Amino acid sequence: MSFLAFVHNPETRDARRAFLGQSGLLLSGAAVAMMAGRDVLAKGRGKDSAASDVRILNTALGAELEAIAAYQLGAESGLLQKPVLDLALTFQGQHKEHAELLSKTVHTLGGKPVSAKEKYTFPVETLKSQADVLRFAAMLEKGAVSAYLGAVPVFDNRDLAKAAASILGDEAMHWAILRNALGEPPVPSAFVS
């Protein structure tokens, strides 16, 4: 099967969607702001397509809510010095904006937005320094970048795909800034995977 046949095959497309829907990977949402209030996204589409997009968006929303909790953990750890704490709170605020917009978009598409978990499992025992917290945050942001890379091509709605690509850029900037704060090369390679 050729690459194009693989990408356009309904069975493989559905398998990719199922993977994204079950993976807990992150779609945050700065670019979802572009979608907020655009009811046209919910109109003129098949019910199955909208439901599939809602599943992907809800996976992203769940991950955004987890990111908010993770940044809260870092902020409350007492390990972050003032400039880094400010950065963490800025990123948390952006994730809150993402979550709000994702939630509105899921609702606009006729879905029910997921809620935050009562408790998240974070590697608290390994967070003993500011660098540990930064590495943890960088790992989460890198996961977000990878998730968006996987999500962009599986949206049925191209506007959602464009928004996810824009969000991908936001997550990549977070990851680069965190790497830089750790003294690592902010952009470790020419390609992201």
N, C-alpha and C. Protein backbone atom coordinates (compact mmCIF):
# COMPACT_ATOMS: atom_id res chain seq x y z
N MET A 1 0.86 -1.17 0.00
CA MET A 1 0.00 0.00 0.00
C MET A 1 0.90 1.23 0.00
N SER A 2 0.62 2.17 -0.89
CA SER A 2 1.41 3.39 -0.95
C SER A 2 1.11 4.27 0.26
N PHE A 3 1.98 5.26 0.51
CA PHE A 3 1.78 6.18 1.62
C PHE A 3 0.45 6.90 1.49
N LEU A 4 0.15 7.42 0.30
CA LEU A 4 -1.10 8.15 0.10
C LEU A 4 -2.31 7.24 0.32
N ALA A 5 -2.22 6.00 -0.15
CA ALA A 5 -3.32 5.06 0.06
C ALA A 5 -3.48 4.78 1.55
N PHE A 6 -2.37 4.66 2.27
CA PHE A 6 -2.40 4.44 3.71
C PHE A 6 -3.07 5.62 4.42
N VAL A 7 -2.68 6.83 4.07
CA VAL A 7 -3.20 8.03 4.72
C VAL A 7 -4.69 8.17 4.47
N HIS A 8 -5.15 7.86 3.26
CA HIS A 8 -6.55 8.07 2.91
C HIS A 8 -7.43 6.85 3.15
N ASN A 9 -6.85 5.74 3.54
CA ASN A 9 -7.61 4.53 3.81
C ASN A 9 -8.45 4.73 5.07
N PRO A 10 -9.79 4.54 4.99
CA PRO A 10 -10.65 4.76 6.16
C PRO A 10 -10.27 3.88 7.36
N GLU A 11 -9.81 2.65 7.12
CA GLU A 11 -9.45 1.77 8.23
C GLU A 11 -8.21 2.29 8.96
N THR A 12 -7.18 2.71 8.23
CA THR A 12 -5.98 3.22 8.90
C THR A 12 -6.25 4.58 9.53
N ARG A 13 -7.09 5.39 8.88
CA ARG A 13 -7.44 6.70 9.46
C ARG A 13 -8.15 6.49 10.79
N ASP A 14 -9.09 5.55 10.84
CA ASP A 14 -9.81 5.28 12.08
C ASP A 14 -8.89 4.71 13.15
N ALA A 15 -7.92 3.90 12.75
CA ALA A 15 -6.96 3.37 13.71
C ALA A 15 -6.10 4.48 14.31
N ARG A 16 -5.69 5.43 13.48
CA ARG A 16 -4.90 6.57 13.99
C ARG A 16 -5.74 7.39 14.95
N ARG A 17 -6.99 7.60 14.61
CA ARG A 17 -7.88 8.36 15.50
C ARG A 17 -8.06 7.64 16.83
N ALA A 18 -8.26 6.34 16.76
CA ALA A 18 -8.43 5.58 18.00
C ALA A 18 -7.19 5.68 18.86
N PHE A 19 -6.02 5.60 18.25
CA PHE A 19 -4.77 5.75 19.00
C PHE A 19 -4.71 7.09 19.69
N LEU A 20 -5.01 8.16 18.95
CA LEU A 20 -4.97 9.50 19.53
C LEU A 20 -6.01 9.64 20.64
N GLY A 21 -7.18 9.06 20.43
CA GLY A 21 -8.24 9.19 21.41
C GLY A 21 -7.94 8.46 22.70
N GLN A 22 -7.11 7.42 22.64
CA GLN A 22 -6.80 6.64 23.83
C GLN A 22 -5.44 6.97 24.41
N SER A 23 -4.66 7.77 23.74
CA SER A 23 -3.28 7.94 24.16
C SER A 23 -3.09 8.96 25.27
N GLY A 24 -4.05 9.85 25.46
CA GLY A 24 -3.87 10.87 26.47
C GLY A 24 -2.86 11.91 26.03
N LEU A 25 -2.51 11.93 24.75
CA LEU A 25 -1.55 12.91 24.27
C LEU A 25 -2.18 14.28 24.21
N LEU A 26 -1.35 15.26 24.12
CA LEU A 26 -1.75 16.63 24.34
C LEU A 26 -2.03 17.41 23.09
N LEU A 27 -3.17 18.06 23.06
CA LEU A 27 -3.48 19.13 22.11
C LEU A 27 -3.77 20.34 22.98
N SER A 28 -2.89 21.29 23.04
CA SER A 28 -3.24 22.49 23.78
C SER A 28 -3.86 23.43 22.80
N GLY A 29 -4.18 24.69 23.17
CA GLY A 29 -5.02 25.39 22.27
C GLY A 29 -4.86 26.85 21.98
N ALA A 30 -3.68 27.43 21.91
CA ALA A 30 -3.61 28.85 21.54
C ALA A 30 -4.31 29.09 20.22
N ALA A 31 -4.11 28.19 19.30
CA ALA A 31 -4.73 28.38 17.99
C ALA A 31 -6.19 28.04 17.98
N VAL A 32 -6.65 27.30 18.96
CA VAL A 32 -8.08 27.01 19.01
C VAL A 32 -8.83 28.33 19.20
N ALA A 33 -8.12 29.36 19.66
CA ALA A 33 -8.73 30.69 19.76
C ALA A 33 -9.27 31.11 18.41
N MET A 34 -8.60 30.69 17.37
CA MET A 34 -9.07 31.03 16.03
C MET A 34 -10.43 30.40 15.75
N MET A 35 -10.72 29.31 16.43
CA MET A 35 -11.96 28.60 16.19
C MET A 35 -13.08 29.07 17.09
N ALA A 36 -12.74 29.61 18.23
CA ALA A 36 -13.76 29.97 19.22
C ALA A 36 -14.80 30.89 18.61
N GLY A 37 -16.02 30.52 18.81
CA GLY A 37 -17.11 31.35 18.31
C GLY A 37 -17.40 31.17 16.84
N ARG A 38 -16.73 30.28 16.17
CA ARG A 38 -16.97 30.07 14.74
C ARG A 38 -17.90 28.88 14.58
N ASP A 39 -19.19 29.12 14.67
CA ASP A 39 -20.18 28.05 14.58
C ASP A 39 -20.14 27.32 13.25
N VAL A 40 -19.55 27.93 12.23
CA VAL A 40 -19.47 27.29 10.92
C VAL A 40 -18.73 25.96 11.01
N LEU A 41 -17.87 25.81 12.00
CA LEU A 41 -17.13 24.56 12.14
C LEU A 41 -18.06 23.39 12.43
N ALA A 42 -19.17 23.67 13.08
CA ALA A 42 -20.08 22.60 13.45
C ALA A 42 -21.12 22.32 12.39
N LYS A 43 -21.20 23.12 11.36
CA LYS A 43 -22.25 22.99 10.36
C LYS A 43 -21.72 22.34 9.08
N GLY A 44 -22.58 21.65 8.41
CA GLY A 44 -22.25 21.12 7.10
C GLY A 44 -21.30 19.95 7.13
N ARG A 45 -21.21 19.27 8.25
CA ARG A 45 -20.29 18.15 8.36
C ARG A 45 -21.07 16.92 8.80
N GLY A 46 -20.56 15.79 8.44
CA GLY A 46 -21.19 14.55 8.85
C GLY A 46 -21.08 14.35 10.35
N LYS A 47 -22.06 13.65 10.90
CA LYS A 47 -22.07 13.40 12.34
C LYS A 47 -20.84 12.61 12.78
N ASP A 48 -20.42 11.61 12.00
CA ASP A 48 -19.25 10.82 12.35
C ASP A 48 -17.98 11.66 12.34
N SER A 49 -17.85 12.56 11.36
CA SER A 49 -16.67 13.42 11.28
C SER A 49 -16.59 14.33 12.49
N ALA A 50 -17.69 14.95 12.84
CA ALA A 50 -17.70 15.85 14.00
C ALA A 50 -17.40 15.06 15.27
N ALA A 51 -17.96 13.88 15.40
CA ALA A 51 -17.72 13.07 16.60
C ALA A 51 -16.25 12.68 16.70
N SER A 52 -15.65 12.35 15.58
CA SER A 52 -14.23 12.01 15.57
C SER A 52 -13.38 13.21 15.99
N ASP A 53 -13.69 14.37 15.43
CA ASP A 53 -12.95 15.58 15.79
C ASP A 53 -13.15 15.92 17.27
N VAL A 54 -14.35 15.70 17.79
CA VAL A 54 -14.61 15.96 19.21
C VAL A 54 -13.75 15.05 20.08
N ARG A 55 -13.62 13.78 19.69
CA ARG A 55 -12.78 12.86 20.47
C ARG A 55 -11.34 13.35 20.50
N ILE A 56 -10.83 13.79 19.37
CA ILE A 56 -9.46 14.29 19.32
C ILE A 56 -9.33 15.55 20.18
N LEU A 57 -10.28 16.46 20.05
CA LEU A 57 -10.24 17.69 20.85
C LEU A 57 -10.35 17.40 22.34
N ASN A 58 -11.18 16.44 22.71
CA ASN A 58 -11.31 16.09 24.13
C ASN A 58 -10.02 15.47 24.67
N THR A 59 -9.33 14.71 23.84
CA THR A 59 -8.03 14.19 24.25
C THR A 59 -7.09 15.35 24.52
N ALA A 60 -7.11 16.34 23.63
CA ALA A 60 -6.29 17.53 23.81
C ALA A 60 -6.68 18.28 25.07
N LEU A 61 -7.97 18.43 25.29
CA LEU A 61 -8.45 19.13 26.48
C LEU A 61 -7.99 18.41 27.74
N GLY A 62 -8.10 17.09 27.75
CA GLY A 62 -7.64 16.33 28.92
C GLY A 62 -6.16 16.56 29.19
N ALA A 63 -5.39 16.61 28.13
CA ALA A 63 -3.95 16.85 28.29
C ALA A 63 -3.67 18.28 28.75
N GLU A 64 -4.45 19.23 28.26
CA GLU A 64 -4.30 20.62 28.71
C GLU A 64 -4.58 20.73 30.20
N LEU A 65 -5.63 20.06 30.65
CA LEU A 65 -5.97 20.08 32.06
C LEU A 65 -4.86 19.46 32.90
N GLU A 66 -4.25 18.41 32.36
CA GLU A 66 -3.11 17.80 33.05
C GLU A 66 -1.92 18.76 33.09
N ALA A 67 -1.68 19.48 32.00
CA ALA A 67 -0.58 20.45 31.97
C ALA A 67 -0.80 21.56 32.99
N ILE A 68 -2.04 22.02 33.12
CA ILE A 68 -2.36 23.05 34.11
C ILE A 68 -2.00 22.54 35.50
N ALA A 69 -2.39 21.31 35.80
CA ALA A 69 -2.09 20.71 37.10
C ALA A 69 -0.59 20.55 37.30
N ALA A 70 0.11 20.16 36.25
CA ALA A 70 1.56 19.97 36.36
C ALA A 70 2.27 21.30 36.63
N TYR A 71 1.88 22.35 35.94
CA TYR A 71 2.49 23.66 36.21
C TYR A 71 2.12 24.16 37.60
N GLN A 72 0.94 23.81 38.08
CA GLN A 72 0.56 24.19 39.45
C GLN A 72 1.47 23.48 40.44
N LEU A 73 1.72 22.20 40.20
CA LEU A 73 2.62 21.44 41.04
C LEU A 73 4.00 22.09 41.08
N GLY A 74 4.50 22.46 39.90
CA GLY A 74 5.81 23.12 39.85
C GLY A 74 5.81 24.45 40.58
N ALA A 75 4.74 25.22 40.41
CA ALA A 75 4.66 26.54 41.06
C ALA A 75 4.61 26.41 42.57
N GLU A 76 3.91 25.40 43.05
CA GLU A 76 3.77 25.22 44.50
C GLU A 76 4.91 24.43 45.13
N SER A 77 5.84 23.94 44.33
CA SER A 77 6.91 23.09 44.84
C SER A 77 7.91 23.85 45.71
N GLY A 78 7.98 25.16 45.53
CA GLY A 78 8.99 25.93 46.25
C GLY A 78 10.38 25.80 45.64
N LEU A 79 10.48 25.10 44.53
CA LEU A 79 11.78 24.86 43.90
C LEU A 79 12.11 25.88 42.81
N LEU A 80 11.13 26.64 42.36
CA LEU A 80 11.35 27.56 41.24
C LEU A 80 11.70 28.96 41.73
N GLN A 81 12.79 29.48 41.20
CA GLN A 81 13.19 30.85 41.51
C GLN A 81 12.31 31.81 40.73
N LYS A 82 12.28 33.05 41.14
CA LYS A 82 11.35 34.05 40.63
C LYS A 82 11.24 34.09 39.10
N PRO A 83 12.29 34.27 38.32
CA PRO A 83 12.05 34.37 36.88
C PRO A 83 11.50 33.08 36.27
N VAL A 84 11.92 31.95 36.80
CA VAL A 84 11.43 30.67 36.28
C VAL A 84 10.00 30.43 36.74
N LEU A 85 9.69 30.82 37.96
CA LEU A 85 8.33 30.71 38.46
C LEU A 85 7.39 31.55 37.59
N ASP A 86 7.81 32.75 37.25
CA ASP A 86 6.99 33.61 36.38
C ASP A 86 6.76 32.94 35.03
N LEU A 87 7.80 32.33 34.48
CA LEU A 87 7.68 31.63 33.20
C LEU A 87 6.69 30.47 33.32
N ALA A 88 6.80 29.69 34.39
CA ALA A 88 5.90 28.56 34.59
C ALA A 88 4.45 29.04 34.69
N LEU A 89 4.23 30.13 35.40
CA LEU A 89 2.88 30.66 35.54
C LEU A 89 2.35 31.21 34.22
N THR A 90 3.24 31.78 33.41
CA THR A 90 2.84 32.26 32.08
C THR A 90 2.40 31.08 31.22
N PHE A 91 3.19 30.01 31.20
CA PHE A 91 2.83 28.83 30.42
C PHE A 91 1.54 28.21 30.94
N GLN A 92 1.39 28.16 32.27
CA GLN A 92 0.15 27.63 32.84
C GLN A 92 -1.05 28.46 32.38
N GLY A 93 -0.88 29.77 32.38
CA GLY A 93 -1.96 30.64 31.93
C GLY A 93 -2.33 30.38 30.48
N GLN A 94 -1.32 30.12 29.64
CA GLN A 94 -1.60 29.81 28.24
C GLN A 94 -2.33 28.48 28.12
N HIS A 95 -1.94 27.51 28.93
CA HIS A 95 -2.64 26.22 28.92
C HIS A 95 -4.09 26.39 29.40
N LYS A 96 -4.32 27.28 30.36
CA LYS A 96 -5.70 27.56 30.80
C LYS A 96 -6.52 28.15 29.66
N GLU A 97 -5.92 29.07 28.92
CA GLU A 97 -6.61 29.64 27.76
C GLU A 97 -6.91 28.55 26.73
N HIS A 98 -5.92 27.69 26.50
CA HIS A 98 -6.11 26.57 25.57
C HIS A 98 -7.29 25.71 26.01
N ALA A 99 -7.31 25.35 27.30
CA ALA A 99 -8.36 24.47 27.81
C ALA A 99 -9.74 25.11 27.66
N GLU A 100 -9.83 26.38 27.96
CA GLU A 100 -11.11 27.07 27.83
C GLU A 100 -11.60 27.06 26.38
N LEU A 101 -10.69 27.34 25.46
CA LEU A 101 -11.08 27.37 24.06
C LEU A 101 -11.38 25.98 23.51
N LEU A 102 -10.61 24.99 23.93
CA LEU A 102 -10.91 23.62 23.51
C LEU A 102 -12.28 23.20 24.01
N SER A 103 -12.57 23.52 25.26
CA SER A 103 -13.86 23.18 25.83
C SER A 103 -15.00 23.83 25.04
N LYS A 104 -14.86 25.09 24.72
CA LYS A 104 -15.89 25.78 23.94
C LYS A 104 -16.04 25.16 22.55
N THR A 105 -14.92 24.78 21.95
CA THR A 105 -14.97 24.19 20.61
C THR A 105 -15.65 22.83 20.63
N VAL A 106 -15.33 22.02 21.64
CA VAL A 106 -16.01 20.72 21.78
C VAL A 106 -17.51 20.94 21.92
N HIS A 107 -17.88 21.89 22.73
CA HIS A 107 -19.30 22.20 22.93
C HIS A 107 -19.94 22.67 21.62
N THR A 108 -19.25 23.55 20.89
CA THR A 108 -19.76 24.05 19.61
C THR A 108 -19.99 22.91 18.62
N LEU A 109 -19.14 21.91 18.67
CA LEU A 109 -19.26 20.76 17.76
C LEU A 109 -20.28 19.73 18.26
N GLY A 110 -20.95 20.05 19.36
CA GLY A 110 -22.00 19.16 19.86
C GLY A 110 -21.53 18.11 20.84
N GLY A 111 -20.29 18.24 21.32
CA GLY A 111 -19.77 17.26 22.27
C GLY A 111 -19.82 17.76 23.69
N LYS A 112 -19.45 16.87 24.60
CA LYS A 112 -19.37 17.21 26.02
C LYS A 112 -17.89 17.26 26.40
N PRO A 113 -17.40 18.43 26.82
CA PRO A 113 -15.99 18.56 27.19
C PRO A 113 -15.64 17.69 28.40
N VAL A 114 -14.45 17.09 28.37
CA VAL A 114 -13.97 16.32 29.51
C VAL A 114 -13.64 17.27 30.66
N SER A 115 -13.61 16.74 31.85
CA SER A 115 -13.27 17.51 33.04
C SER A 115 -11.89 17.11 33.53
N ALA A 116 -11.33 17.96 34.38
CA ALA A 116 -10.04 17.64 34.99
C ALA A 116 -10.20 16.44 35.92
N LYS A 117 -9.15 15.65 36.02
CA LYS A 117 -9.17 14.53 36.96
C LYS A 117 -9.06 15.09 38.37
N GLU A 118 -9.57 14.32 39.32
CA GLU A 118 -9.43 14.74 40.72
C GLU A 118 -7.98 14.69 41.15
N LYS A 119 -7.23 13.73 40.60
CA LYS A 119 -5.83 13.59 40.98
C LYS A 119 -5.03 13.09 39.77
N TYR A 120 -3.88 13.71 39.56
CA TYR A 120 -2.96 13.28 38.51
C TYR A 120 -1.77 12.60 39.16
N THR A 121 -1.19 11.67 38.44
CA THR A 121 0.00 10.98 38.93
C THR A 121 1.22 11.61 38.28
N PHE A 122 1.95 12.38 39.07
CA PHE A 122 3.18 13.03 38.60
C PHE A 122 4.36 12.45 39.38
N PRO A 123 5.55 12.49 38.80
CA PRO A 123 6.74 11.93 39.47
C PRO A 123 7.28 12.88 40.56
N VAL A 124 6.45 13.15 41.55
CA VAL A 124 6.78 14.12 42.60
C VAL A 124 8.09 13.77 43.29
N GLU A 125 8.32 12.48 43.50
CA GLU A 125 9.52 12.06 44.23
C GLU A 125 10.82 12.39 43.48
N THR A 126 10.73 12.62 42.17
CA THR A 126 11.94 12.94 41.39
C THR A 126 12.16 14.45 41.25
N LEU A 127 11.23 15.25 41.74
CA LEU A 127 11.34 16.70 41.61
C LEU A 127 12.00 17.27 42.86
N LYS A 128 13.32 17.40 42.79
CA LYS A 128 14.09 17.84 43.96
C LYS A 128 14.80 19.17 43.73
N SER A 129 14.75 19.67 42.49
CA SER A 129 15.43 20.93 42.18
C SER A 129 14.67 21.66 41.08
N GLN A 130 15.05 22.90 40.87
CA GLN A 130 14.44 23.67 39.78
C GLN A 130 14.67 22.97 38.44
N ALA A 131 15.87 22.44 38.25
CA ALA A 131 16.18 21.75 36.99
C ALA A 131 15.28 20.53 36.79
N ASP A 132 14.98 19.81 37.88
CA ASP A 132 14.09 18.65 37.78
C ASP A 132 12.70 19.08 37.31
N VAL A 133 12.20 20.18 37.87
CA VAL A 133 10.87 20.68 37.49
C VAL A 133 10.89 21.11 36.02
N LEU A 134 11.96 21.80 35.61
CA LEU A 134 12.07 22.24 34.22
C LEU A 134 12.13 21.05 33.26
N ARG A 135 12.89 20.01 33.63
CA ARG A 135 12.97 18.81 32.78
C ARG A 135 11.60 18.14 32.65
N PHE A 136 10.88 18.07 33.76
CA PHE A 136 9.53 17.48 33.75
C PHE A 136 8.61 18.29 32.83
N ALA A 137 8.64 19.61 32.96
CA ALA A 137 7.80 20.46 32.11
C ALA A 137 8.21 20.33 30.65
N ALA A 138 9.52 20.28 30.39
CA ALA A 138 10.00 20.14 29.01
C ALA A 138 9.54 18.82 28.41
N MET A 139 9.55 17.77 29.21
CA MET A 139 9.09 16.46 28.73
C MET A 139 7.61 16.53 28.35
N LEU A 140 6.80 17.20 29.18
CA LEU A 140 5.38 17.33 28.87
C LEU A 140 5.17 18.15 27.60
N GLU A 141 5.92 19.22 27.45
CA GLU A 141 5.77 20.06 26.25
C GLU A 141 6.21 19.32 25.00
N LYS A 142 7.30 18.54 25.11
CA LYS A 142 7.73 17.75 23.96
C LYS A 142 6.64 16.74 23.57
N GLY A 143 6.00 16.15 24.57
CA GLY A 143 4.89 15.23 24.30
C GLY A 143 3.74 15.94 23.60
N ALA A 144 3.51 17.19 23.98
CA ALA A 144 2.45 17.97 23.33
C ALA A 144 2.79 18.21 21.86
N VAL A 145 4.03 18.53 21.60
CA VAL A 145 4.47 18.75 20.22
C VAL A 145 4.23 17.49 19.40
N SER A 146 4.63 16.36 19.93
CA SER A 146 4.45 15.09 19.21
C SER A 146 2.98 14.78 19.00
N ALA A 147 2.16 15.07 19.99
CA ALA A 147 0.72 14.80 19.87
C ALA A 147 0.09 15.64 18.77
N TYR A 148 0.46 16.91 18.74
CA TYR A 148 -0.09 17.76 17.68
C TYR A 148 0.38 17.31 16.31
N LEU A 149 1.63 16.88 16.21
CA LEU A 149 2.11 16.35 14.93
C LEU A 149 1.24 15.19 14.47
N GLY A 150 0.84 14.35 15.41
CA GLY A 150 -0.02 13.22 15.07
C GLY A 150 -1.45 13.60 14.81
N ALA A 151 -1.92 14.67 15.45
CA ALA A 151 -3.34 15.05 15.34
C ALA A 151 -3.64 15.83 14.07
N VAL A 152 -2.73 16.66 13.64
CA VAL A 152 -3.01 17.55 12.50
C VAL A 152 -3.57 16.79 11.30
N PRO A 153 -2.97 15.70 10.87
CA PRO A 153 -3.48 15.06 9.66
C PRO A 153 -4.76 14.25 9.85
N VAL A 154 -5.19 14.00 11.08
CA VAL A 154 -6.36 13.14 11.25
C VAL A 154 -7.66 13.90 11.48
N PHE A 155 -7.60 15.20 11.62
CA PHE A 155 -8.84 15.97 11.72
C PHE A 155 -9.56 15.91 10.38
N ASP A 156 -10.86 15.68 10.43
CA ASP A 156 -11.66 15.76 9.21
C ASP A 156 -11.87 17.22 8.82
N ASN A 157 -11.97 18.08 9.80
CA ASN A 157 -12.19 19.50 9.57
C ASN A 157 -10.83 20.19 9.40
N ARG A 158 -10.58 20.72 8.23
CA ARG A 158 -9.28 21.34 7.94
C ARG A 158 -9.01 22.57 8.79
N ASP A 159 -10.06 23.30 9.20
CA ASP A 159 -9.87 24.44 10.09
C ASP A 159 -9.32 23.98 11.44
N LEU A 160 -9.80 22.84 11.91
CA LEU A 160 -9.27 22.30 13.16
C LEU A 160 -7.82 21.86 12.98
N ALA A 161 -7.51 21.30 11.82
CA ALA A 161 -6.13 20.89 11.55
C ALA A 161 -5.20 22.10 11.54
N LYS A 162 -5.65 23.19 10.93
CA LYS A 162 -4.84 24.41 10.92
C LYS A 162 -4.63 24.93 12.33
N ALA A 163 -5.69 24.91 13.12
CA ALA A 163 -5.59 25.37 14.51
C ALA A 163 -4.62 24.50 15.30
N ALA A 164 -4.71 23.17 15.11
CA ALA A 164 -3.80 22.27 15.81
C ALA A 164 -2.36 22.54 15.40
N ALA A 165 -2.13 22.85 14.13
CA ALA A 165 -0.78 23.17 13.67
C ALA A 165 -0.28 24.45 14.34
N SER A 166 -1.15 25.41 14.52
CA SER A 166 -0.76 26.63 15.21
C SER A 166 -0.44 26.36 16.67
N ILE A 167 -1.24 25.50 17.29
CA ILE A 167 -1.00 25.11 18.68
C ILE A 167 0.34 24.38 18.79
N LEU A 168 0.62 23.55 17.81
CA LEU A 168 1.90 22.85 17.75
C LEU A 168 3.05 23.85 17.86
N GLY A 169 2.94 24.97 17.15
CA GLY A 169 3.98 26.00 17.23
C GLY A 169 4.12 26.55 18.63
N ASP A 170 3.00 26.77 19.31
CA ASP A 170 3.03 27.28 20.69
C ASP A 170 3.72 26.29 21.61
N GLU A 171 3.36 25.02 21.48
CA GLU A 171 3.98 23.99 22.32
C GLU A 171 5.47 23.86 22.04
N ALA A 172 5.85 23.97 20.77
CA ALA A 172 7.27 23.90 20.41
C ALA A 172 8.04 25.07 21.03
N MET A 173 7.42 26.25 21.06
CA MET A 173 8.09 27.39 21.72
C MET A 173 8.25 27.13 23.21
N HIS A 174 7.23 26.59 23.86
CA HIS A 174 7.36 26.26 25.28
C HIS A 174 8.54 25.31 25.49
N TRP A 175 8.57 24.27 24.69
CA TRP A 175 9.62 23.26 24.82
C TRP A 175 11.00 23.89 24.62
N ALA A 176 11.15 24.71 23.59
CA ALA A 176 12.44 25.35 23.31
C ALA A 176 12.87 26.27 24.46
N ILE A 177 11.94 27.03 24.99
CA ILE A 177 12.28 27.95 26.09
C ILE A 177 12.69 27.16 27.33
N LEU A 178 11.98 26.09 27.62
CA LEU A 178 12.34 25.26 28.77
C LEU A 178 13.71 24.62 28.59
N ARG A 179 13.99 24.14 27.39
CA ARG A 179 15.32 23.57 27.11
C ARG A 179 16.39 24.64 27.31
N ASN A 180 16.14 25.83 26.83
CA ASN A 180 17.09 26.92 26.98
C ASN A 180 17.32 27.24 28.45
N ALA A 181 16.25 27.25 29.24
CA ALA A 181 16.37 27.52 30.68
C ALA A 181 17.21 26.45 31.38
N LEU A 182 17.22 25.25 30.81
CA LEU A 182 18.04 24.16 31.36
C LEU A 182 19.49 24.21 30.86
N GLY A 183 19.79 25.17 29.99
CA GLY A 183 21.13 25.25 29.42
C GLY A 183 21.35 24.28 28.28
N GLU A 184 20.27 23.74 27.73
CA GLU A 184 20.35 22.81 26.60
C GLU A 184 20.08 23.58 25.33
N PRO A 185 20.54 23.06 24.19
CA PRO A 185 20.21 23.73 22.92
C PRO A 185 18.69 23.82 22.78
N PRO A 186 18.14 25.01 22.56
CA PRO A 186 16.69 25.14 22.49
C PRO A 186 16.05 24.35 21.36
N VAL A 187 16.75 24.22 20.26
CA VAL A 187 16.23 23.47 19.13
C VAL A 187 17.24 22.36 18.83
N PRO A 188 16.98 21.15 19.35
CA PRO A 188 17.98 20.10 19.28
C PRO A 188 18.21 19.48 17.90
N SER A 189 17.26 19.67 16.98
CA SER A 189 17.44 19.11 15.64
C SER A 189 16.59 19.90 14.65
N ALA A 190 16.82 19.61 13.38
CA ALA A 190 16.10 20.32 12.33
C ALA A 190 14.67 19.83 12.15
N PHE A 191 14.35 18.67 12.74
CA PHE A 191 13.01 18.10 12.59
C PHE A 191 12.50 17.68 13.97
N VAL A 192 11.20 17.76 14.14
CA VAL A 192 10.55 17.33 15.37
C VAL A 192 9.80 16.05 15.06
N SER A 193 9.91 15.09 15.97
CA SER A 193 9.18 13.83 15.78
C SER A 193 8.46 13.46 17.04
